[in-house]
Amino acid sequence: MGGRLRVDAGGREIEFGGAVAFSAFSFGVSTVAALLIWWRSRTVNSPLIRGDAIGSALDALSTLTVLIAFVLGGWLHAQGQEALARYVDPVLTVGLVLVTLPVPYRLGREALSQLLAQSPPAEQRARVEQAIQEGFRDAPVQTLEIKTIKVGRQWDVRIQATLEAQASTLTVSEADGFRRAVQERLATLDEEVQVAVVLRPSGAPHFG
């Protein structure tokens, strides 16, 4: 109850110089930490590090908000606007909360999407792979690699077909015809399938 009354009254008075110095120092440290973690998140593909980067950015934003509140409040005091100065901190705090509210939702949505991503059952996977092999029946393919993952109700299928050595003269139109044949076969299944097809010459490196 007492805390709510202090907020309604515009907070409590503190020493201006020390508050600005401390908030500026905190902002500098949190900004450096956020930049380091952000740089790390660009070199390491990890959802945990990306989450840390977002959290560090929010920390830096919070300390910047505190610094702005102190400076703006001090300026309003100097201008004789004590009544307005009392409400700088509460107003900026509410603004910060409104800005950061979507972040937990987005992180939660990404985490839920990863939890829903699963390897499909063997029986369903066999049906999809059979349809793909039938689509490539007339193609000059030496080997066929199929990677499947199921996110919710949708399949994400990536196909890499290694062409035979004599297929070096394969045209773009012919290659696109093989892709369409695969998609037509998959369309006959009672599944939502998103497919990507990669055709590579014999001896070329394949995806990991």
N, C-alpha and C. Protein backbone atom coordinates (compact mmCIF):
# COMPACT_ATOMS: atom_id res chain seq x y z
N MET A 1 0.83 -1.20 0.00
CA MET A 1 0.00 0.00 0.00
C MET A 1 0.87 1.25 0.00
N GLY A 2 1.92 1.23 0.88
CA GLY A 2 2.80 2.39 0.95
C GLY A 2 3.55 2.61 -0.35
N GLY A 3 3.97 1.49 -1.01
CA GLY A 3 4.67 1.61 -2.28
C GLY A 3 3.79 2.23 -3.34
N ARG A 4 2.50 1.83 -3.36
CA ARG A 4 1.59 2.39 -4.36
C ARG A 4 1.39 3.89 -4.13
N LEU A 5 1.30 4.29 -2.86
CA LEU A 5 1.12 5.71 -2.56
C LEU A 5 2.34 6.52 -2.98
N ARG A 6 3.54 5.94 -2.81
CA ARG A 6 4.74 6.66 -3.23
C ARG A 6 4.77 6.84 -4.74
N VAL A 7 4.30 5.82 -5.49
CA VAL A 7 4.24 5.96 -6.95
C VAL A 7 3.22 7.01 -7.34
N ASP A 8 2.05 6.99 -6.67
CA ASP A 8 1.02 7.98 -6.97
C ASP A 8 1.51 9.40 -6.69
N ALA A 9 2.39 9.51 -5.70
CA ALA A 9 2.91 10.84 -5.35
C ALA A 9 4.12 11.24 -6.17
N GLY A 10 4.52 10.39 -7.11
CA GLY A 10 5.66 10.72 -7.95
C GLY A 10 6.96 10.14 -7.47
N GLY A 11 6.94 9.14 -6.58
CA GLY A 11 8.17 8.52 -6.11
C GLY A 11 8.76 9.26 -4.93
N ARG A 12 10.01 8.93 -4.60
CA ARG A 12 10.67 9.58 -3.48
C ARG A 12 11.90 10.33 -3.98
N GLU A 13 12.34 11.31 -3.25
CA GLU A 13 13.48 12.12 -3.66
C GLU A 13 14.79 11.39 -3.38
N ILE A 14 15.75 11.52 -4.32
CA ILE A 14 17.08 10.95 -4.16
C ILE A 14 18.11 11.97 -4.61
N GLU A 15 19.39 11.70 -4.31
CA GLU A 15 20.47 12.61 -4.67
C GLU A 15 20.70 12.52 -6.18
N PHE A 16 20.63 13.67 -6.88
CA PHE A 16 20.61 13.70 -8.34
C PHE A 16 21.94 13.25 -8.95
N GLY A 17 23.04 13.84 -8.49
CA GLY A 17 24.33 13.55 -9.12
C GLY A 17 24.72 12.09 -9.03
N GLY A 18 24.58 11.51 -7.85
CA GLY A 18 24.92 10.10 -7.69
C GLY A 18 24.03 9.18 -8.50
N ALA A 19 22.74 9.53 -8.59
CA ALA A 19 21.81 8.71 -9.35
C ALA A 19 22.16 8.71 -10.84
N VAL A 20 22.49 9.89 -11.38
CA VAL A 20 22.85 9.98 -12.79
C VAL A 20 24.14 9.22 -13.07
N ALA A 21 25.13 9.37 -12.19
CA ALA A 21 26.40 8.69 -12.39
C ALA A 21 26.22 7.17 -12.36
N PHE A 22 25.45 6.69 -11.40
CA PHE A 22 25.24 5.24 -11.29
C PHE A 22 24.47 4.70 -12.48
N SER A 23 23.42 5.42 -12.90
CA SER A 23 22.63 4.94 -14.03
C SER A 23 23.43 4.98 -15.33
N ALA A 24 24.29 5.99 -15.49
CA ALA A 24 25.14 6.06 -16.68
C ALA A 24 26.13 4.90 -16.70
N PHE A 25 26.72 4.60 -15.54
CA PHE A 25 27.64 3.46 -15.45
C PHE A 25 26.92 2.15 -15.76
N SER A 26 25.72 1.98 -15.20
CA SER A 26 24.95 0.76 -15.45
C SER A 26 24.59 0.62 -16.92
N PHE A 27 24.23 1.74 -17.54
CA PHE A 27 23.89 1.71 -18.96
C PHE A 27 25.10 1.31 -19.81
N GLY A 28 26.27 1.85 -19.47
CA GLY A 28 27.47 1.51 -20.22
C GLY A 28 27.82 0.03 -20.10
N VAL A 29 27.77 -0.50 -18.88
CA VAL A 29 28.11 -1.91 -18.66
C VAL A 29 27.11 -2.82 -19.37
N SER A 30 25.82 -2.53 -19.22
CA SER A 30 24.81 -3.39 -19.82
C SER A 30 24.85 -3.31 -21.35
N THR A 31 25.21 -2.15 -21.89
CA THR A 31 25.31 -2.02 -23.35
C THR A 31 26.47 -2.84 -23.89
N VAL A 32 27.61 -2.78 -23.22
CA VAL A 32 28.77 -3.58 -23.65
C VAL A 32 28.43 -5.07 -23.58
N ALA A 33 27.79 -5.49 -22.49
CA ALA A 33 27.41 -6.90 -22.36
C ALA A 33 26.43 -7.31 -23.47
N ALA A 34 25.46 -6.44 -23.77
CA ALA A 34 24.49 -6.75 -24.82
C ALA A 34 25.17 -6.87 -26.18
N LEU A 35 26.12 -5.99 -26.47
CA LEU A 35 26.82 -6.05 -27.76
C LEU A 35 27.66 -7.32 -27.87
N LEU A 36 28.32 -7.71 -26.79
CA LEU A 36 29.13 -8.93 -26.82
C LEU A 36 28.26 -10.17 -27.04
N ILE A 37 27.14 -10.24 -26.33
CA ILE A 37 26.25 -11.40 -26.49
C ILE A 37 25.59 -11.38 -27.87
N TRP A 38 25.24 -10.19 -28.36
CA TRP A 38 24.66 -10.10 -29.71
C TRP A 38 25.65 -10.58 -30.76
N TRP A 39 26.93 -10.17 -30.62
CA TRP A 39 27.95 -10.64 -31.57
C TRP A 39 28.11 -12.15 -31.48
N ARG A 40 28.05 -12.69 -30.28
CA ARG A 40 28.16 -14.13 -30.11
C ARG A 40 26.98 -14.85 -30.75
N SER A 41 25.79 -14.26 -30.64
CA SER A 41 24.60 -14.90 -31.22
C SER A 41 24.66 -14.94 -32.74
N ARG A 42 25.43 -14.04 -33.36
CA ARG A 42 25.56 -14.05 -34.82
C ARG A 42 26.54 -15.11 -35.29
N THR A 43 27.44 -15.54 -34.42
CA THR A 43 28.43 -16.54 -34.81
C THR A 43 28.05 -17.95 -34.37
N VAL A 44 27.16 -18.06 -33.40
CA VAL A 44 26.72 -19.37 -32.90
C VAL A 44 25.20 -19.45 -33.06
N ASN A 45 24.74 -20.41 -33.83
CA ASN A 45 23.31 -20.56 -34.07
C ASN A 45 22.67 -21.34 -32.92
N SER A 46 22.36 -20.61 -31.86
CA SER A 46 21.78 -21.25 -30.67
C SER A 46 20.60 -20.42 -30.18
N PRO A 47 19.43 -21.04 -30.01
CA PRO A 47 18.28 -20.28 -29.49
C PRO A 47 18.51 -19.77 -28.07
N LEU A 48 19.33 -20.48 -27.28
CA LEU A 48 19.62 -20.03 -25.92
C LEU A 48 20.41 -18.72 -25.94
N ILE A 49 21.41 -18.65 -26.83
CA ILE A 49 22.22 -17.43 -26.91
C ILE A 49 21.38 -16.29 -27.47
N ARG A 50 20.50 -16.60 -28.44
CA ARG A 50 19.61 -15.55 -28.95
C ARG A 50 18.71 -15.01 -27.84
N GLY A 51 18.23 -15.90 -26.98
CA GLY A 51 17.42 -15.45 -25.85
C GLY A 51 18.21 -14.58 -24.90
N ASP A 52 19.48 -14.97 -24.65
CA ASP A 52 20.34 -14.14 -23.79
C ASP A 52 20.58 -12.77 -24.42
N ALA A 53 20.75 -12.75 -25.75
CA ALA A 53 20.98 -11.47 -26.44
C ALA A 53 19.78 -10.55 -26.29
N ILE A 54 18.58 -11.11 -26.43
CA ILE A 54 17.37 -10.29 -26.27
C ILE A 54 17.25 -9.80 -24.83
N GLY A 55 17.53 -10.69 -23.86
CA GLY A 55 17.47 -10.28 -22.47
C GLY A 55 18.47 -9.19 -22.14
N SER A 56 19.68 -9.29 -22.68
CA SER A 56 20.70 -8.27 -22.44
C SER A 56 20.31 -6.94 -23.08
N ALA A 57 19.70 -7.01 -24.26
CA ALA A 57 19.23 -5.77 -24.90
C ALA A 57 18.14 -5.10 -24.07
N LEU A 58 17.27 -5.90 -23.47
CA LEU A 58 16.23 -5.34 -22.60
C LEU A 58 16.84 -4.72 -21.35
N ASP A 59 17.89 -5.36 -20.82
CA ASP A 59 18.58 -4.77 -19.66
C ASP A 59 19.17 -3.41 -20.01
N ALA A 60 19.80 -3.33 -21.18
CA ALA A 60 20.38 -2.05 -21.61
C ALA A 60 19.29 -1.00 -21.80
N LEU A 61 18.16 -1.42 -22.37
CA LEU A 61 17.05 -0.48 -22.55
C LEU A 61 16.50 0.00 -21.21
N SER A 62 16.45 -0.90 -20.24
CA SER A 62 15.94 -0.52 -18.91
C SER A 62 16.86 0.50 -18.26
N THR A 63 18.17 0.28 -18.31
CA THR A 63 19.10 1.23 -17.70
C THR A 63 19.09 2.57 -18.44
N LEU A 64 18.89 2.52 -19.77
CA LEU A 64 18.78 3.77 -20.52
C LEU A 64 17.53 4.54 -20.10
N THR A 65 16.44 3.82 -19.87
CA THR A 65 15.21 4.47 -19.42
C THR A 65 15.41 5.16 -18.07
N VAL A 66 16.13 4.48 -17.16
CA VAL A 66 16.40 5.08 -15.85
C VAL A 66 17.25 6.34 -16.01
N LEU A 67 18.27 6.27 -16.87
CA LEU A 67 19.13 7.44 -17.09
C LEU A 67 18.33 8.61 -17.66
N ILE A 68 17.48 8.32 -18.64
CA ILE A 68 16.65 9.38 -19.22
C ILE A 68 15.72 9.97 -18.17
N ALA A 69 15.18 9.11 -17.31
CA ALA A 69 14.26 9.59 -16.27
C ALA A 69 14.97 10.56 -15.33
N PHE A 70 16.20 10.22 -14.92
CA PHE A 70 16.94 11.10 -14.02
C PHE A 70 17.27 12.43 -14.69
N VAL A 71 17.77 12.36 -15.92
CA VAL A 71 18.17 13.59 -16.62
C VAL A 71 16.95 14.47 -16.90
N LEU A 72 15.88 13.85 -17.40
CA LEU A 72 14.68 14.63 -17.71
C LEU A 72 14.05 15.20 -16.44
N GLY A 73 14.04 14.39 -15.37
CA GLY A 73 13.49 14.88 -14.11
C GLY A 73 14.30 16.04 -13.56
N GLY A 74 15.63 15.95 -13.65
CA GLY A 74 16.47 17.05 -13.19
C GLY A 74 16.27 18.31 -14.01
N TRP A 75 16.10 18.14 -15.32
CA TRP A 75 15.88 19.31 -16.17
C TRP A 75 14.55 19.98 -15.85
N LEU A 76 13.51 19.18 -15.62
CA LEU A 76 12.20 19.75 -15.27
C LEU A 76 12.27 20.48 -13.93
N HIS A 77 13.03 19.92 -12.98
CA HIS A 77 13.21 20.61 -11.70
C HIS A 77 13.87 21.96 -11.92
N ALA A 78 14.90 21.98 -12.77
CA ALA A 78 15.61 23.23 -13.03
C ALA A 78 14.72 24.26 -13.70
N GLN A 79 13.71 23.78 -14.45
CA GLN A 79 12.78 24.69 -15.12
C GLN A 79 11.61 25.08 -14.22
N GLY A 80 11.64 24.61 -12.98
CA GLY A 80 10.56 24.93 -12.06
C GLY A 80 9.30 24.12 -12.26
N GLN A 81 9.43 22.96 -12.94
CA GLN A 81 8.27 22.10 -13.20
C GLN A 81 8.31 20.88 -12.28
N GLU A 82 8.31 21.13 -10.97
CA GLU A 82 8.42 20.03 -10.02
C GLU A 82 7.25 19.05 -10.12
N ALA A 83 6.07 19.57 -10.39
CA ALA A 83 4.89 18.69 -10.48
C ALA A 83 5.05 17.68 -11.62
N LEU A 84 5.55 18.15 -12.77
CA LEU A 84 5.76 17.23 -13.89
C LEU A 84 6.93 16.29 -13.62
N ALA A 85 7.97 16.80 -12.98
CA ALA A 85 9.16 15.99 -12.73
C ALA A 85 8.84 14.76 -11.88
N ARG A 86 7.87 14.88 -11.00
CA ARG A 86 7.53 13.76 -10.13
C ARG A 86 6.98 12.55 -10.91
N TYR A 87 6.46 12.79 -12.09
CA TYR A 87 5.80 11.71 -12.82
C TYR A 87 6.62 11.21 -14.02
N VAL A 88 7.85 11.71 -14.16
CA VAL A 88 8.70 11.24 -15.26
C VAL A 88 9.00 9.75 -15.10
N ASP A 89 9.42 9.36 -13.91
CA ASP A 89 9.81 7.96 -13.69
C ASP A 89 8.63 7.00 -13.87
N PRO A 90 7.45 7.26 -13.25
CA PRO A 90 6.33 6.33 -13.47
C PRO A 90 5.90 6.23 -14.93
N VAL A 91 5.88 7.37 -15.64
CA VAL A 91 5.44 7.34 -17.04
C VAL A 91 6.42 6.55 -17.90
N LEU A 92 7.73 6.77 -17.71
CA LEU A 92 8.72 6.03 -18.49
C LEU A 92 8.70 4.55 -18.14
N THR A 93 8.42 4.23 -16.88
CA THR A 93 8.33 2.83 -16.48
C THR A 93 7.18 2.13 -17.19
N VAL A 94 6.03 2.79 -17.24
CA VAL A 94 4.89 2.21 -17.95
C VAL A 94 5.21 2.05 -19.44
N GLY A 95 5.88 3.04 -20.03
CA GLY A 95 6.26 2.94 -21.43
C GLY A 95 7.21 1.79 -21.69
N LEU A 96 8.17 1.59 -20.78
CA LEU A 96 9.12 0.48 -20.92
C LEU A 96 8.39 -0.86 -20.86
N VAL A 97 7.45 -0.98 -19.95
CA VAL A 97 6.68 -2.23 -19.83
C VAL A 97 5.90 -2.51 -21.11
N LEU A 98 5.28 -1.48 -21.67
CA LEU A 98 4.50 -1.67 -22.89
C LEU A 98 5.38 -2.07 -24.07
N VAL A 99 6.61 -1.53 -24.11
CA VAL A 99 7.52 -1.87 -25.21
C VAL A 99 8.02 -3.30 -25.09
N THR A 100 8.28 -3.75 -23.87
CA THR A 100 8.88 -5.07 -23.68
C THR A 100 7.87 -6.20 -23.55
N LEU A 101 6.59 -5.88 -23.43
CA LEU A 101 5.58 -6.94 -23.28
C LEU A 101 5.58 -7.96 -24.43
N PRO A 102 5.73 -7.54 -25.70
CA PRO A 102 5.69 -8.54 -26.78
C PRO A 102 6.87 -9.50 -26.79
N VAL A 103 7.97 -9.16 -26.11
CA VAL A 103 9.18 -9.99 -26.19
C VAL A 103 8.96 -11.37 -25.59
N PRO A 104 8.44 -11.50 -24.35
CA PRO A 104 8.21 -12.85 -23.82
C PRO A 104 7.26 -13.67 -24.68
N TYR A 105 6.27 -13.01 -25.28
CA TYR A 105 5.34 -13.74 -26.15
C TYR A 105 6.07 -14.32 -27.36
N ARG A 106 6.96 -13.52 -27.97
CA ARG A 106 7.68 -14.01 -29.14
C ARG A 106 8.63 -15.15 -28.77
N LEU A 107 9.33 -15.00 -27.65
CA LEU A 107 10.24 -16.07 -27.21
C LEU A 107 9.46 -17.34 -26.90
N GLY A 108 8.31 -17.18 -26.25
CA GLY A 108 7.49 -18.36 -25.94
C GLY A 108 6.97 -19.03 -27.19
N ARG A 109 6.59 -18.23 -28.18
CA ARG A 109 6.09 -18.80 -29.43
C ARG A 109 7.18 -19.58 -30.15
N GLU A 110 8.42 -19.04 -30.18
CA GLU A 110 9.52 -19.75 -30.82
C GLU A 110 9.84 -21.05 -30.09
N ALA A 111 9.82 -20.99 -28.74
CA ALA A 111 10.10 -22.20 -27.97
C ALA A 111 9.03 -23.26 -28.21
N LEU A 112 7.77 -22.83 -28.28
CA LEU A 112 6.68 -23.78 -28.53
C LEU A 112 6.80 -24.39 -29.92
N SER A 113 7.21 -23.58 -30.90
CA SER A 113 7.38 -24.09 -32.26
C SER A 113 8.46 -25.16 -32.30
N GLN A 114 9.55 -24.96 -31.54
CA GLN A 114 10.61 -25.96 -31.51
C GLN A 114 10.15 -27.23 -30.81
N LEU A 115 9.30 -27.08 -29.79
CA LEU A 115 8.79 -28.27 -29.10
C LEU A 115 7.86 -29.07 -30.00
N LEU A 116 7.11 -28.36 -30.86
CA LEU A 116 6.19 -29.05 -31.76
C LEU A 116 6.90 -29.72 -32.93
N ALA A 117 8.12 -29.22 -33.24
CA ALA A 117 8.88 -29.82 -34.33
C ALA A 117 9.35 -31.21 -33.91
N GLN A 118 8.97 -32.21 -34.66
CA GLN A 118 9.29 -33.56 -34.28
C GLN A 118 9.53 -34.41 -35.52
N SER A 119 10.23 -35.50 -35.32
CA SER A 119 10.41 -36.45 -36.41
C SER A 119 9.11 -37.22 -36.60
N PRO A 120 8.57 -37.24 -37.82
CA PRO A 120 7.27 -37.89 -38.03
C PRO A 120 7.36 -39.40 -37.83
N PRO A 121 6.23 -40.05 -37.54
CA PRO A 121 6.20 -41.50 -37.37
C PRO A 121 6.71 -42.21 -38.63
N ALA A 122 7.29 -43.40 -38.43
CA ALA A 122 7.91 -44.13 -39.53
C ALA A 122 6.91 -44.44 -40.64
N GLU A 123 5.68 -44.79 -40.28
CA GLU A 123 4.69 -45.14 -41.30
C GLU A 123 4.35 -43.94 -42.18
N GLN A 124 4.15 -42.77 -41.57
CA GLN A 124 3.85 -41.58 -42.35
C GLN A 124 5.06 -41.16 -43.18
N ARG A 125 6.25 -41.25 -42.59
CA ARG A 125 7.45 -40.88 -43.32
C ARG A 125 7.66 -41.79 -44.54
N ALA A 126 7.32 -43.07 -44.40
CA ALA A 126 7.48 -44.00 -45.52
C ALA A 126 6.56 -43.62 -46.68
N ARG A 127 5.33 -43.16 -46.37
CA ARG A 127 4.41 -42.75 -47.43
C ARG A 127 4.94 -41.54 -48.18
N VAL A 128 5.48 -40.59 -47.45
CA VAL A 128 6.03 -39.39 -48.08
C VAL A 128 7.25 -39.73 -48.93
N GLU A 129 8.14 -40.55 -48.39
CA GLU A 129 9.34 -40.92 -49.14
C GLU A 129 9.01 -41.73 -50.38
N GLN A 130 7.99 -42.58 -50.29
CA GLN A 130 7.57 -43.35 -51.46
C GLN A 130 7.05 -42.43 -52.56
N ALA A 131 6.26 -41.42 -52.17
CA ALA A 131 5.75 -40.47 -53.15
C ALA A 131 6.90 -39.70 -53.81
N ILE A 132 7.92 -39.36 -53.04
CA ILE A 132 9.07 -38.64 -53.60
C ILE A 132 9.83 -39.53 -54.58
N GLN A 133 10.05 -40.78 -54.21
CA GLN A 133 10.77 -41.70 -55.09
C GLN A 133 10.00 -41.94 -56.39
N GLU A 134 8.67 -42.00 -56.30
CA GLU A 134 7.88 -42.16 -57.52
C GLU A 134 7.99 -40.92 -58.40
N GLY A 135 8.08 -39.74 -57.78
CA GLY A 135 8.24 -38.52 -58.56
C GLY A 135 9.56 -38.47 -59.30
N PHE A 136 10.60 -39.10 -58.74
CA PHE A 136 11.92 -39.12 -59.36
C PHE A 136 12.15 -40.40 -60.18
N ARG A 137 11.09 -41.15 -60.45
CA ARG A 137 11.24 -42.45 -61.11
C ARG A 137 11.96 -42.32 -62.45
N ASP A 138 11.62 -41.31 -63.24
CA ASP A 138 12.20 -41.15 -64.58
C ASP A 138 13.39 -40.20 -64.60
N ALA A 139 13.84 -39.77 -63.44
CA ALA A 139 14.96 -38.82 -63.38
C ALA A 139 16.29 -39.57 -63.35
N PRO A 140 17.34 -39.00 -63.98
CA PRO A 140 18.66 -39.63 -63.97
C PRO A 140 19.37 -39.40 -62.62
N VAL A 141 18.83 -40.03 -61.58
CA VAL A 141 19.32 -39.81 -60.22
C VAL A 141 20.15 -40.99 -59.76
N GLN A 142 21.32 -40.67 -59.22
CA GLN A 142 22.21 -41.71 -58.69
C GLN A 142 21.85 -42.06 -57.24
N THR A 143 21.71 -41.05 -56.41
CA THR A 143 21.30 -41.24 -55.02
C THR A 143 20.27 -40.18 -54.65
N LEU A 144 19.47 -40.50 -53.67
CA LEU A 144 18.39 -39.61 -53.24
C LEU A 144 18.42 -39.52 -51.71
N GLU A 145 18.62 -38.31 -51.19
CA GLU A 145 18.63 -38.09 -49.75
C GLU A 145 17.39 -37.28 -49.38
N ILE A 146 16.67 -37.76 -48.39
CA ILE A 146 15.42 -37.12 -47.99
C ILE A 146 15.48 -36.83 -46.49
N LYS A 147 15.25 -35.57 -46.14
CA LYS A 147 15.19 -35.18 -44.73
C LYS A 147 13.79 -34.64 -44.45
N THR A 148 13.16 -35.17 -43.43
CA THR A 148 11.79 -34.77 -43.11
C THR A 148 11.69 -34.36 -41.65
N ILE A 149 10.85 -33.36 -41.41
CA ILE A 149 10.51 -32.95 -40.05
C ILE A 149 9.07 -32.48 -40.08
N LYS A 150 8.36 -32.69 -39.00
CA LYS A 150 6.96 -32.31 -38.94
C LYS A 150 6.77 -31.28 -37.84
N VAL A 151 6.28 -30.10 -38.24
CA VAL A 151 6.02 -29.01 -37.31
C VAL A 151 4.51 -28.84 -37.22
N GLY A 152 3.94 -29.31 -36.11
CA GLY A 152 2.48 -29.30 -36.01
C GLY A 152 1.89 -30.26 -37.03
N ARG A 153 1.07 -29.74 -37.94
CA ARG A 153 0.47 -30.56 -38.99
C ARG A 153 1.22 -30.46 -40.31
N GLN A 154 2.20 -29.58 -40.38
CA GLN A 154 2.89 -29.35 -41.65
C GLN A 154 4.22 -30.11 -41.71
N TRP A 155 4.47 -30.72 -42.86
CA TRP A 155 5.73 -31.39 -43.12
C TRP A 155 6.70 -30.40 -43.76
N ASP A 156 7.95 -30.49 -43.34
CA ASP A 156 9.03 -29.73 -43.97
C ASP A 156 10.00 -30.76 -44.55
N VAL A 157 10.02 -30.88 -45.87
CA VAL A 157 10.79 -31.93 -46.54
C VAL A 157 11.88 -31.28 -47.39
N ARG A 158 13.10 -31.76 -47.23
CA ARG A 158 14.22 -31.30 -48.05
C ARG A 158 14.80 -32.50 -48.78
N ILE A 159 14.88 -32.36 -50.09
CA ILE A 159 15.34 -33.46 -50.94
C ILE A 159 16.62 -33.04 -51.65
N GLN A 160 17.61 -33.91 -51.59
CA GLN A 160 18.84 -33.69 -52.36
C GLN A 160 19.06 -34.89 -53.26
N ALA A 161 19.03 -34.64 -54.55
CA ALA A 161 19.19 -35.70 -55.54
C ALA A 161 20.53 -35.53 -56.23
N THR A 162 21.35 -36.58 -56.16
CA THR A 162 22.64 -36.58 -56.84
C THR A 162 22.44 -37.17 -58.23
N LEU A 163 22.73 -36.38 -59.25
CA LEU A 163 22.50 -36.80 -60.62
C LEU A 163 23.59 -37.76 -61.08
N GLU A 164 23.23 -38.59 -62.04
CA GLU A 164 24.21 -39.48 -62.66
C GLU A 164 25.19 -38.66 -63.49
N ALA A 165 26.35 -39.24 -63.75
CA ALA A 165 27.40 -38.50 -64.45
C ALA A 165 26.95 -38.05 -65.84
N GLN A 166 26.16 -38.87 -66.53
CA GLN A 166 25.74 -38.53 -67.88
C GLN A 166 24.61 -37.50 -67.91
N ALA A 167 24.17 -37.05 -66.72
CA ALA A 167 23.07 -36.08 -66.67
C ALA A 167 23.57 -34.64 -66.62
N SER A 168 24.82 -34.41 -67.03
CA SER A 168 25.38 -33.06 -66.96
C SER A 168 24.69 -32.10 -67.92
N THR A 169 23.99 -32.63 -68.92
CA THR A 169 23.30 -31.77 -69.89
C THR A 169 21.85 -31.50 -69.49
N LEU A 170 21.48 -31.84 -68.28
CA LEU A 170 20.11 -31.63 -67.81
C LEU A 170 19.77 -30.14 -67.83
N THR A 171 18.66 -29.79 -68.46
CA THR A 171 18.26 -28.38 -68.56
C THR A 171 17.46 -27.96 -67.33
N VAL A 172 17.34 -26.65 -67.17
CA VAL A 172 16.56 -26.12 -66.05
C VAL A 172 15.10 -26.54 -66.16
N SER A 173 14.58 -26.54 -67.39
CA SER A 173 13.19 -26.94 -67.60
C SER A 173 12.97 -28.40 -67.20
N GLU A 174 13.92 -29.26 -67.56
CA GLU A 174 13.80 -30.68 -67.19
C GLU A 174 13.88 -30.86 -65.68
N ALA A 175 14.80 -30.14 -65.04
CA ALA A 175 14.93 -30.24 -63.59
C ALA A 175 13.66 -29.75 -62.90
N ASP A 176 13.07 -28.67 -63.42
CA ASP A 176 11.84 -28.16 -62.84
C ASP A 176 10.70 -29.15 -63.04
N GLY A 177 10.75 -29.90 -64.12
CA GLY A 177 9.73 -30.92 -64.35
C GLY A 177 9.78 -32.02 -63.30
N PHE A 178 11.00 -32.41 -62.89
CA PHE A 178 11.13 -33.42 -61.83
C PHE A 178 10.57 -32.87 -60.51
N ARG A 179 10.83 -31.59 -60.25
CA ARG A 179 10.32 -30.99 -59.01
C ARG A 179 8.79 -30.98 -59.02
N ARG A 180 8.20 -30.62 -60.16
CA ARG A 180 6.74 -30.61 -60.25
C ARG A 180 6.16 -32.01 -60.08
N ALA A 181 6.86 -33.01 -60.64
CA ALA A 181 6.38 -34.39 -60.50
C ALA A 181 6.36 -34.81 -59.04
N VAL A 182 7.38 -34.41 -58.28
CA VAL A 182 7.42 -34.73 -56.86
C VAL A 182 6.28 -34.03 -56.13
N GLN A 183 6.07 -32.75 -56.42
CA GLN A 183 5.01 -32.00 -55.75
C GLN A 183 3.63 -32.57 -56.08
N GLU A 184 3.45 -33.02 -57.32
CA GLU A 184 2.16 -33.62 -57.69
C GLU A 184 1.92 -34.92 -56.93
N ARG A 185 2.97 -35.71 -56.76
CA ARG A 185 2.83 -36.95 -55.98
C ARG A 185 2.50 -36.64 -54.53
N LEU A 186 3.18 -35.65 -53.97
CA LEU A 186 2.93 -35.30 -52.57
C LEU A 186 1.55 -34.70 -52.38
N ALA A 187 1.03 -34.05 -53.42
CA ALA A 187 -0.30 -33.44 -53.31
C ALA A 187 -1.40 -34.48 -53.18
N THR A 188 -1.11 -35.72 -53.58
CA THR A 188 -2.12 -36.78 -53.47
C THR A 188 -2.25 -37.29 -52.04
N LEU A 189 -1.28 -36.97 -51.19
CA LEU A 189 -1.32 -37.40 -49.80
C LEU A 189 -2.19 -36.45 -48.98
N ASP A 190 -2.76 -36.97 -47.93
CA ASP A 190 -3.59 -36.14 -47.05
C ASP A 190 -2.69 -35.49 -46.00
N GLU A 191 -1.71 -34.72 -46.48
CA GLU A 191 -0.74 -34.07 -45.61
C GLU A 191 -0.43 -32.67 -46.15
N GLU A 192 -0.07 -31.77 -45.24
CA GLU A 192 0.42 -30.45 -45.64
C GLU A 192 1.94 -30.53 -45.74
N VAL A 193 2.46 -30.45 -46.96
CA VAL A 193 3.88 -30.67 -47.20
C VAL A 193 4.49 -29.44 -47.86
N GLN A 194 5.58 -28.96 -47.27
CA GLN A 194 6.39 -27.91 -47.88
C GLN A 194 7.72 -28.55 -48.26
N VAL A 195 8.06 -28.51 -49.55
CA VAL A 195 9.19 -29.27 -50.05
C VAL A 195 10.21 -28.36 -50.73
N ALA A 196 11.49 -28.69 -50.54
CA ALA A 196 12.58 -28.02 -51.24
C ALA A 196 13.43 -29.09 -51.91
N VAL A 197 13.73 -28.90 -53.19
CA VAL A 197 14.46 -29.89 -53.98
C VAL A 197 15.79 -29.30 -54.41
N VAL A 198 16.87 -30.05 -54.16
CA VAL A 198 18.21 -29.64 -54.59
C VAL A 198 18.76 -30.72 -55.50
N LEU A 199 19.11 -30.35 -56.72
CA LEU A 199 19.75 -31.27 -57.66
C LEU A 199 21.23 -30.90 -57.76
N ARG A 200 22.10 -31.86 -57.56
CA ARG A 200 23.53 -31.56 -57.62
C ARG A 200 24.22 -32.58 -58.51
N PRO A 201 25.27 -32.14 -59.23
CA PRO A 201 26.02 -33.06 -60.08
C PRO A 201 26.74 -34.12 -59.25
N SER A 202 27.07 -35.20 -59.87
CA SER A 202 27.81 -36.26 -59.20
C SER A 202 29.17 -35.74 -58.75
N GLY A 203 29.53 -35.99 -57.49
CA GLY A 203 30.82 -35.54 -56.96
C GLY A 203 30.77 -34.21 -56.26
N ALA A 204 29.67 -33.47 -56.38
CA ALA A 204 29.55 -32.17 -55.71
C ALA A 204 29.26 -32.39 -54.22
N PRO A 205 29.67 -31.45 -53.35
CA PRO A 205 29.40 -31.60 -51.91
C PRO A 205 27.91 -31.55 -51.63
N HIS A 206 27.48 -32.28 -50.60
CA HIS A 206 26.07 -32.29 -50.24
C HIS A 206 25.87 -31.57 -48.92
N PHE A 207 24.60 -31.26 -48.63
CA PHE A 207 24.32 -30.53 -47.39
C PHE A 207 24.49 -31.45 -46.20
N GLY A 208 24.73 -30.80 -45.03
CA GLY A 208 24.93 -31.57 -43.81
C GLY A 208 23.64 -31.99 -43.18
